[in-house]
Amino acid sequence: MIVVNKYHHLYHRVNYPSENGYRMESYPLPDWIYITVTTIKEGNSKYLTVHSRLHLNKEVVINPTYTCNFTDDEIIRHLSAEVSSKFL
C-alpha cells in the first residue's frame, strides 16, 4: 500500500539566546511549491518529494529514504534546510 501526504510548510532554526538554545519552527511555503511524503508500506520506506510549479511543474525526490519508523514531521524537519536552499 502506498500513502502520499501533502504538506505546505518547512522548518527553520530560531535561536533563543535567553534560553541558551534554539527551536525548530514551521513556516509556510509559497503557493507555487509544496512537498509530499510518500510511504510505501510493503518496502518499509518513506521519501520526500518537492513539487514546484515555478520550475515547470518539476517533481524532485530528495534523498535519503527513511524507514517507516520515522514520522513525516521528523523527515520534513531533517530535510527542510536542503529543500529551502535548493528551491526557495
Protein backbone atom coordinates (compact mmCIF):
# COMPACT_ATOMS: atom_id res chain seq x y z
CA MET A 1 0.00 0.00 0.00
CA ILE A 2 1.26 3.49 -0.89
CA VAL A 3 0.20 6.59 1.09
CA VAL A 4 1.02 10.13 -0.07
CA ASN A 5 0.66 13.04 2.39
CA LYS A 6 0.84 16.62 1.12
CA TYR A 7 2.37 19.47 3.18
CA HIS A 8 2.68 23.24 2.74
CA HIS A 9 5.38 24.02 5.34
CA LEU A 10 9.04 23.60 6.21
CA TYR A 11 11.04 24.23 9.39
CA HIS A 12 13.82 26.64 10.21
CA ARG A 13 16.03 27.16 13.24
CA VAL A 14 15.10 30.04 15.54
CA ASN A 15 17.65 30.99 18.21
CA TYR A 16 16.53 31.84 21.72
CA PRO A 17 19.59 33.44 23.37
CA SER A 18 17.83 33.98 26.70
CA GLU A 19 17.29 30.22 26.89
CA ASN A 20 20.77 29.40 25.52
CA GLY A 21 19.21 27.31 22.78
CA TYR A 22 17.04 27.15 19.70
CA ARG A 23 13.79 25.67 18.40
CA MET A 24 12.73 24.39 15.02
CA GLU A 25 9.68 26.40 13.99
CA SER A 26 7.49 25.86 10.96
CA TYR A 27 6.88 28.43 8.25
CA PRO A 28 4.51 28.28 5.27
CA LEU A 29 5.71 27.57 1.76
CA PRO A 30 4.85 29.90 -1.15
CA ASP A 31 1.77 28.98 -3.20
CA TRP A 32 3.86 27.67 -6.10
CA ILE A 33 5.56 24.89 -4.14
CA TYR A 34 4.55 22.03 -1.85
CA ILE A 35 6.08 18.81 -0.55
CA THR A 36 4.81 15.27 -0.19
CA VAL A 37 5.96 12.41 1.98
CA THR A 38 5.28 9.05 0.32
CA THR A 39 5.04 5.93 2.47
CA ILE A 40 5.49 2.51 0.86
CA LYS A 41 4.29 0.01 3.48
CA GLU A 42 5.49 -3.12 1.64
CA GLY A 43 9.03 -1.79 1.29
CA ASN A 44 9.05 -0.19 4.76
CA SER A 45 10.25 3.11 3.30
CA LYS A 46 9.37 6.80 3.08
CA TYR A 47 10.70 9.59 0.90
CA LEU A 48 10.11 13.31 0.41
CA THR A 49 9.25 14.86 -2.96
CA VAL A 50 9.25 18.58 -3.82
CA HIS A 51 6.59 19.73 -6.30
CA SER A 52 7.33 23.12 -7.89
CA ARG A 53 5.01 24.86 -10.34
CA LEU A 54 7.55 27.67 -10.75
CA HIS A 55 10.10 25.20 -12.15
CA LEU A 56 7.75 23.93 -14.91
CA ASN A 57 5.80 21.51 -12.69
CA LYS A 58 9.01 19.89 -11.58
CA GLU A 59 8.98 16.96 -9.13
CA VAL A 60 12.23 16.14 -7.33
CA VAL A 61 12.75 13.30 -4.87
CA ILE A 62 15.07 14.36 -2.07
CA ASN A 63 17.38 11.64 -0.74
CA PRO A 64 17.78 9.79 1.55
CA THR A 65 14.84 7.47 2.01
CA TYR A 66 13.71 6.65 5.54
CA THR A 67 12.16 3.64 7.25
CA CYS A 68 8.53 3.79 8.32
CA ASN A 69 9.74 4.27 11.92
CA PHE A 70 10.27 7.97 11.13
CA THR A 71 7.27 10.29 11.27
CA ASP A 72 6.51 12.64 8.38
CA ASP A 73 7.32 15.56 10.68
CA GLU A 74 10.78 14.16 11.51
CA ILE A 75 11.55 13.73 7.80
CA ILE A 76 10.41 17.27 6.97
CA ARG A 77 12.48 18.70 9.86
CA HIS A 78 15.56 16.80 8.71
CA LEU A 79 15.30 17.82 5.04
CA SER A 80 13.93 21.39 5.39
CA ALA A 81 17.31 23.10 5.06
CA GLU A 82 18.14 21.18 1.88
CA VAL A 83 14.75 21.88 0.30
CA SER A 84 14.97 25.55 1.24
CA SER A 85 18.46 26.00 -0.21
CA LYS A 86 17.62 24.24 -3.49
CA PHE A 87 14.15 25.63 -4.22
CA LEU A 88 13.48 28.84 -2.27
